[in-house]
Amino acid sequence: MKHINKCTQCLTYTLKDICQKCGAKTIQPKPPKYSPEDKYGQYRREEKKQEFKDKGLI
């Protein structure tokens, strides 16, 4: 079974291991596994909050 991949350079999606547009390597864009003891959740929330402030949404 093939999974969808995302190009690291041009950010397009493909089923290939190498991007057809730019020739860069592709990765599988999967979110991290859920864990009730989320060690890095605080940092992700702070980063998201800062991103919203930078865009003027907060």
PDB file of N, CA and C in Angstrom:
ATOM      1  N   MET A   1       0.842  -1.183   0.000  1.00  0.00           N
ATOM      2  CA  MET A   1       0.000   0.000   0.000  1.00  0.00           C
ATOM      3  C   MET A   1       0.884   1.241   0.000  1.00  0.00           C
ATOM      4  N   LYS A   2       0.592   2.165  -0.882  1.00  0.00           N
ATOM      5  CA  LYS A   2       1.350   3.399  -0.988  1.00  0.00           C
ATOM      6  C   LYS A   2       0.757   4.465  -0.084  1.00  0.00           C
ATOM      7  N   HIS A   3       1.618   5.285   0.465  1.00  0.00           N
ATOM      8  CA  HIS A   3       1.188   6.418   1.274  1.00  0.00           C
ATOM      9  C   HIS A   3       1.532   7.693   0.532  1.00  0.00           C
ATOM     10  N   ILE A   4       0.792   8.741   0.812  1.00  0.00           N
ATOM     11  CA  ILE A   4       1.056  10.022   0.180  1.00  0.00           C
ATOM     12  C   ILE A   4       2.286  10.651   0.836  1.00  0.00           C
ATOM     13  N   ASN A   5       3.146  11.235   0.031  1.00  0.00           N
ATOM     14  CA  ASN A   5       4.366  11.883   0.493  1.00  0.00           C
ATOM     15  C   ASN A   5       4.315  13.362   0.170  1.00  0.00           C
ATOM     16  N   LYS A   6       5.118  14.139   0.905  1.00  0.00           N
ATOM     17  CA  LYS A   6       5.184  15.577   0.692  1.00  0.00           C
ATOM     18  C   LYS A   6       6.626  15.959   0.387  1.00  0.00           C
ATOM     19  N   CYS A   7       6.810  16.774  -0.626  1.00  0.00           N
ATOM     20  CA  CYS A   7       8.136  17.227  -1.019  1.00  0.00           C
ATOM     21  C   CYS A   7       8.673  18.214   0.025  1.00  0.00           C
ATOM     22  N   THR A   8       9.955  18.093   0.355  1.00  0.00           N
ATOM     23  CA  THR A   8      10.557  18.978   1.351  1.00  0.00           C
ATOM     24  C   THR A   8      10.932  20.335   0.758  1.00  0.00           C
ATOM     25  N   GLN A   9      11.001  20.439  -0.560  1.00  0.00           N
ATOM     26  CA  GLN A   9      11.400  21.697  -1.206  1.00  0.00           C
ATOM     27  C   GLN A   9      10.199  22.511  -1.698  1.00  0.00           C
ATOM     28  N   CYS A  10       9.389  21.933  -2.574  1.00  0.00           N
ATOM     29  CA  CYS A  10       8.288  22.691  -3.182  1.00  0.00           C
ATOM     30  C   CYS A  10       6.941  22.441  -2.495  1.00  0.00           C
ATOM     31  N   LEU A  11       6.915  21.570  -1.479  1.00  0.00           N
ATOM     32  CA  LEU A  11       5.739  21.304  -0.644  1.00  0.00           C
ATOM     33  C   LEU A  11       4.545  20.743  -1.412  1.00  0.00           C
ATOM     34  N   THR A  12       4.794  20.041  -2.522  1.00  0.00           N
ATOM     35  CA  THR A  12       3.714  19.387  -3.247  1.00  0.00           C
ATOM     36  C   THR A  12       3.591  17.946  -2.759  1.00  0.00           C
ATOM     37  N   TYR A  13       2.437  17.342  -3.000  1.00  0.00           N
ATOM     38  CA  TYR A  13       2.175  15.970  -2.575  1.00  0.00           C
ATOM     39  C   TYR A  13       2.309  15.026  -3.758  1.00  0.00           C
ATOM     40  N   THR A  14       2.839  13.834  -3.500  1.00  0.00           N
ATOM     41  CA  THR A  14       3.045  12.837  -4.530  1.00  0.00           C
ATOM     42  C   THR A  14       3.062  11.449  -3.898  1.00  0.00           C
ATOM     43  N   LEU A  15       2.965  10.411  -4.710  1.00  0.00           N
ATOM     44  CA  LEU A  15       3.091   9.046  -4.231  1.00  0.00           C
ATOM     45  C   LEU A  15       4.506   8.508  -4.424  1.00  0.00           C
ATOM     46  N   LYS A  16       5.374   9.280  -5.054  1.00  0.00           N
ATOM     47  CA  LYS A  16       6.741   8.856  -5.353  1.00  0.00           C
ATOM     48  C   LYS A  16       7.679   9.206  -4.194  1.00  0.00           C
ATOM     49  N   ASP A  17       8.860   8.574  -4.170  1.00  0.00           N
ATOM     50  CA  ASP A  17       9.878   8.882  -3.165  1.00  0.00           C
ATOM     51  C   ASP A  17      10.686  10.125  -3.535  1.00  0.00           C
ATOM     52  N   ILE A  18      10.681  10.471  -4.816  1.00  0.00           N
ATOM     53  CA  ILE A  18      11.371  11.659  -5.320  1.00  0.00           C
ATOM     54  C   ILE A  18      10.333  12.546  -6.001  1.00  0.00           C
ATOM     55  N   CYS A  19      10.364  13.846  -5.709  1.00  0.00           N
ATOM     56  CA  CYS A  19       9.407  14.798  -6.288  1.00  0.00           C
ATOM     57  C   CYS A  19       9.589  14.880  -7.800  1.00  0.00           C
ATOM     58  N   GLN A  20       8.477  14.854  -8.530  1.00  0.00           N
ATOM     59  CA  GLN A  20       8.531  14.934  -9.986  1.00  0.00           C
ATOM     60  C   GLN A  20       8.802  16.345 -10.482  1.00  0.00           C
ATOM     61  N   LYS A  21       8.470  17.371  -9.680  1.00  0.00           N
ATOM     62  CA  LYS A  21       8.659  18.763 -10.093  1.00  0.00           C
ATOM     63  C   LYS A  21      10.090  19.235  -9.898  1.00  0.00           C
ATOM     64  N   CYS A  22      10.652  19.004  -8.674  1.00  0.00           N
ATOM     65  CA  CYS A  22      11.962  19.580  -8.374  1.00  0.00           C
ATOM     66  C   CYS A  22      13.044  18.541  -8.124  1.00  0.00           C
ATOM     67  N   GLY A  23      12.691  17.273  -7.994  1.00  0.00           N
ATOM     68  CA  GLY A  23      13.680  16.225  -7.811  1.00  0.00           C
ATOM     69  C   GLY A  23      14.168  16.038  -6.380  1.00  0.00           C
ATOM     70  N   ALA A  24      13.521  16.695  -5.405  1.00  0.00           N
ATOM     71  CA  ALA A  24      13.927  16.581  -4.003  1.00  0.00           C
ATOM     72  C   ALA A  24      13.307  15.344  -3.364  1.00  0.00           C
ATOM     73  N   LYS A  25      13.846  14.939  -2.234  1.00  0.00           N
ATOM     74  CA  LYS A  25      13.339  13.786  -1.484  1.00  0.00           C
ATOM     75  C   LYS A  25      11.998  14.146  -0.851  1.00  0.00           C
ATOM     76  N   THR A  26      11.114  13.168  -0.758  1.00  0.00           N
ATOM     77  CA  THR A  26       9.809  13.391  -0.137  1.00  0.00           C
ATOM     78  C   THR A  26       9.751  12.677   1.215  1.00  0.00           C
ATOM     79  N   ILE A  27       8.855  13.153   2.086  1.00  0.00           N
ATOM     80  CA  ILE A  27       8.654  12.564   3.406  1.00  0.00           C
ATOM     81  C   ILE A  27       7.170  12.283   3.599  1.00  0.00           C
ATOM     82  N   GLN A  28       6.848  11.438   4.572  1.00  0.00           N
ATOM     83  CA  GLN A  28       5.448  11.177   4.906  1.00  0.00           C
ATOM     84  C   GLN A  28       5.029  12.181   5.975  1.00  0.00           C
ATOM     85  N   PRO A  29       4.075  13.068   5.668  1.00  0.00           N
ATOM     86  CA  PRO A  29       3.670  14.113   6.620  1.00  0.00           C
ATOM     87  C   PRO A  29       2.685  13.591   7.663  1.00  0.00           C
ATOM     88  N   LYS A  30       3.185  12.852   8.631  1.00  0.00           N
ATOM     89  CA  LYS A  30       2.318  12.293   9.674  1.00  0.00           C
ATOM     90  C   LYS A  30       2.488  13.092  10.960  1.00  0.00           C
ATOM     91  N   PRO A  31       1.418  13.308  11.687  1.00  0.00           N
ATOM     92  CA  PRO A  31       1.542  13.988  12.978  1.00  0.00           C
ATOM     93  C   PRO A  31       2.189  13.065  14.008  1.00  0.00           C
ATOM     94  N   PRO A  32       2.741  13.627  15.082  1.00  0.00           N
ATOM     95  CA  PRO A  32       3.311  12.776  16.117  1.00  0.00           C
ATOM     96  C   PRO A  32       2.234  11.947  16.811  1.00  0.00           C
ATOM     97  N   LYS A  33       2.613  10.809  17.380  1.00  0.00           N
ATOM     98  CA  LYS A  33       1.657   9.958  18.092  1.00  0.00           C
ATOM     99  C   LYS A  33       1.125  10.674  19.318  1.00  0.00           C
ATOM    100  N   TYR A  34      -0.118  10.393  19.663  1.00  0.00           N
ATOM    101  CA  TYR A  34      -0.728  10.982  20.843  1.00  0.00           C
ATOM    102  C   TYR A  34      -0.192  10.298  22.097  1.00  0.00           C
ATOM    103  N   SER A  35       0.080  11.088  23.112  1.00  0.00           N
ATOM    104  CA  SER A  35       0.510  10.557  24.390  1.00  0.00           C
ATOM    105  C   SER A  35      -0.089  11.430  25.489  1.00  0.00           C
ATOM    106  N   PRO A  36      -0.698  10.845  26.511  1.00  0.00           N
ATOM    107  CA  PRO A  36      -1.238  11.655  27.604  1.00  0.00           C
ATOM    108  C   PRO A  36      -0.135  12.392  28.359  1.00  0.00           C
ATOM    109  N   GLU A  37       1.070  11.825  28.383  1.00  0.00           N
ATOM    110  CA  GLU A  37       2.203  12.500  29.001  1.00  0.00           C
ATOM    111  C   GLU A  37       2.996  13.226  27.920  1.00  0.00           C
ATOM    112  N   ASP A  38       2.387  14.213  27.289  1.00  0.00           N
ATOM    113  CA  ASP A  38       2.990  14.941  26.183  1.00  0.00           C
ATOM    114  C   ASP A  38       4.106  15.843  26.704  1.00  0.00           C
ATOM    115  N   LYS A  39       5.355  15.437  26.449  1.00  0.00           N
ATOM    116  CA  LYS A  39       6.506  16.182  26.961  1.00  0.00           C
ATOM    117  C   LYS A  39       6.672  17.539  26.282  1.00  0.00           C
ATOM    118  N   TYR A  40       6.298  17.644  25.021  1.00  0.00           N
ATOM    119  CA  TYR A  40       6.569  18.838  24.247  1.00  0.00           C
ATOM    120  C   TYR A  40       5.322  19.654  23.926  1.00  0.00           C
ATOM    121  N   GLY A  41       4.194  19.312  24.519  1.00  0.00           N
ATOM    122  CA  GLY A  41       2.941  20.017  24.250  1.00  0.00           C
ATOM    123  C   GLY A  41       3.007  21.482  24.616  1.00  0.00           C
ATOM    124  N   GLN A  42       3.640  21.792  25.727  1.00  0.00           N
ATOM    125  CA  GLN A  42       3.758  23.184  26.168  1.00  0.00           C
ATOM    126  C   GLN A  42       4.503  24.013  25.121  1.00  0.00           C
ATOM    127  N   TYR A  43       5.577  23.460  24.570  1.00  0.00           N
ATOM    128  CA  TYR A  43       6.371  24.186  23.584  1.00  0.00           C
ATOM    129  C   TYR A  43       5.603  24.379  22.280  1.00  0.00           C
ATOM    130  N   ARG A  44       4.834  23.358  21.870  1.00  0.00           N
ATOM    131  CA  ARG A  44       4.025  23.492  20.653  1.00  0.00           C
ATOM    132  C   ARG A  44       2.966  24.564  20.818  1.00  0.00           C
ATOM    133  N   ARG A  45       2.317  24.588  22.004  1.00  0.00           N
ATOM    134  CA  ARG A  45       1.287  25.607  22.239  1.00  0.00           C
ATOM    135  C   ARG A  45       1.886  27.008  22.268  1.00  0.00           C
ATOM    136  N   GLU A  46       3.057  27.170  22.877  1.00  0.00           N
ATOM    137  CA  GLU A  46       3.718  28.477  22.902  1.00  0.00           C
ATOM    138  C   GLU A  46       4.095  28.929  21.491  1.00  0.00           C
ATOM    139  N   GLU A  47       4.607  27.998  20.687  1.00  0.00           N
ATOM    140  CA  GLU A  47       4.984  28.320  19.314  1.00  0.00           C
ATOM    141  C   GLU A  47       3.767  28.725  18.488  1.00  0.00           C
ATOM    142  N   LYS A  48       2.652  28.007  18.650  1.00  0.00           N
ATOM    143  CA  LYS A  48       1.424  28.320  17.930  1.00  0.00           C
ATOM    144  C   LYS A  48       0.895  29.689  18.347  1.00  0.00           C
ATOM    145  N   LYS A  49       0.957  29.974  19.646  1.00  0.00           N
ATOM    146  CA  LYS A  49       0.504  31.270  20.152  1.00  0.00           C
ATOM    147  C   LYS A  49       1.356  32.404  19.581  1.00  0.00           C
ATOM    148  N   GLN A  50       2.679  32.186  19.516  1.00  0.00           N
ATOM    149  CA  GLN A  50       3.576  33.198  18.958  1.00  0.00           C
ATOM    150  C   GLN A  50       3.305  33.395  17.471  1.00  0.00           C
ATOM    151  N   GLU A  51       3.015  32.321  16.767  1.00  0.00           N
ATOM    152  CA  GLU A  51       2.697  32.407  15.342  1.00  0.00           C
ATOM    153  C   GLU A  51       1.444  33.255  15.122  1.00  0.00           C
ATOM    154  N   PHE A  52       0.417  33.060  15.956  1.00  0.00           N
ATOM    155  CA  PHE A  52      -0.801  33.855  15.852  1.00  0.00           C
ATOM    156  C   PHE A  52      -0.522  35.324  16.171  1.00  0.00           C
ATOM    157  N   LYS A  53       0.326  35.598  17.160  1.00  0.00           N
ATOM    158  CA  LYS A  53       0.676  36.984  17.488  1.00  0.00           C
ATOM    159  C   LYS A  53       1.408  37.650  16.335  1.00  0.00           C
ATOM    160  N   ASP A  54       2.324  36.908  15.706  1.00  0.00           N
ATOM    161  CA  ASP A  54       3.069  37.462  14.579  1.00  0.00           C
ATOM    162  C   ASP A  54       2.153  37.804  13.397  1.00  0.00           C
ATOM    163  N   LYS A  55       1.102  37.013  13.224  1.00  0.00           N
ATOM    164  CA  LYS A  55       0.162  37.258  12.135  1.00  0.00           C
ATOM    165  C   LYS A  55      -0.896  38.291  12.505  1.00  0.00           C
ATOM    166  N   GLY A  56      -0.914  38.725  13.770  1.00  0.00           N
ATOM    167  CA  GLY A  56      -1.879  39.721  14.225  1.00  0.00           C
ATOM    168  C   GLY A  56      -3.254  39.172  14.500  1.00  0.00           C
ATOM    169  N   LEU A  57      -3.336  37.876  14.772  1.00  0.00           N
ATOM    170  CA  LEU A  57      -4.635  37.256  15.014  1.00  0.00           C
ATOM    171  C   LEU A  57      -5.007  37.269  16.487  1.00  0.00           C
ATOM    172  N   ILE A  58      -4.051  37.552  17.361  1.00  0.00           N
ATOM    173  CA  ILE A  58      -4.337  37.640  18.799  1.00  0.00           C
ATOM    174  C   ILE A  58      -4.086  39.063  19.239  1.00  0.00           C
TER     175      ILE A  58
END
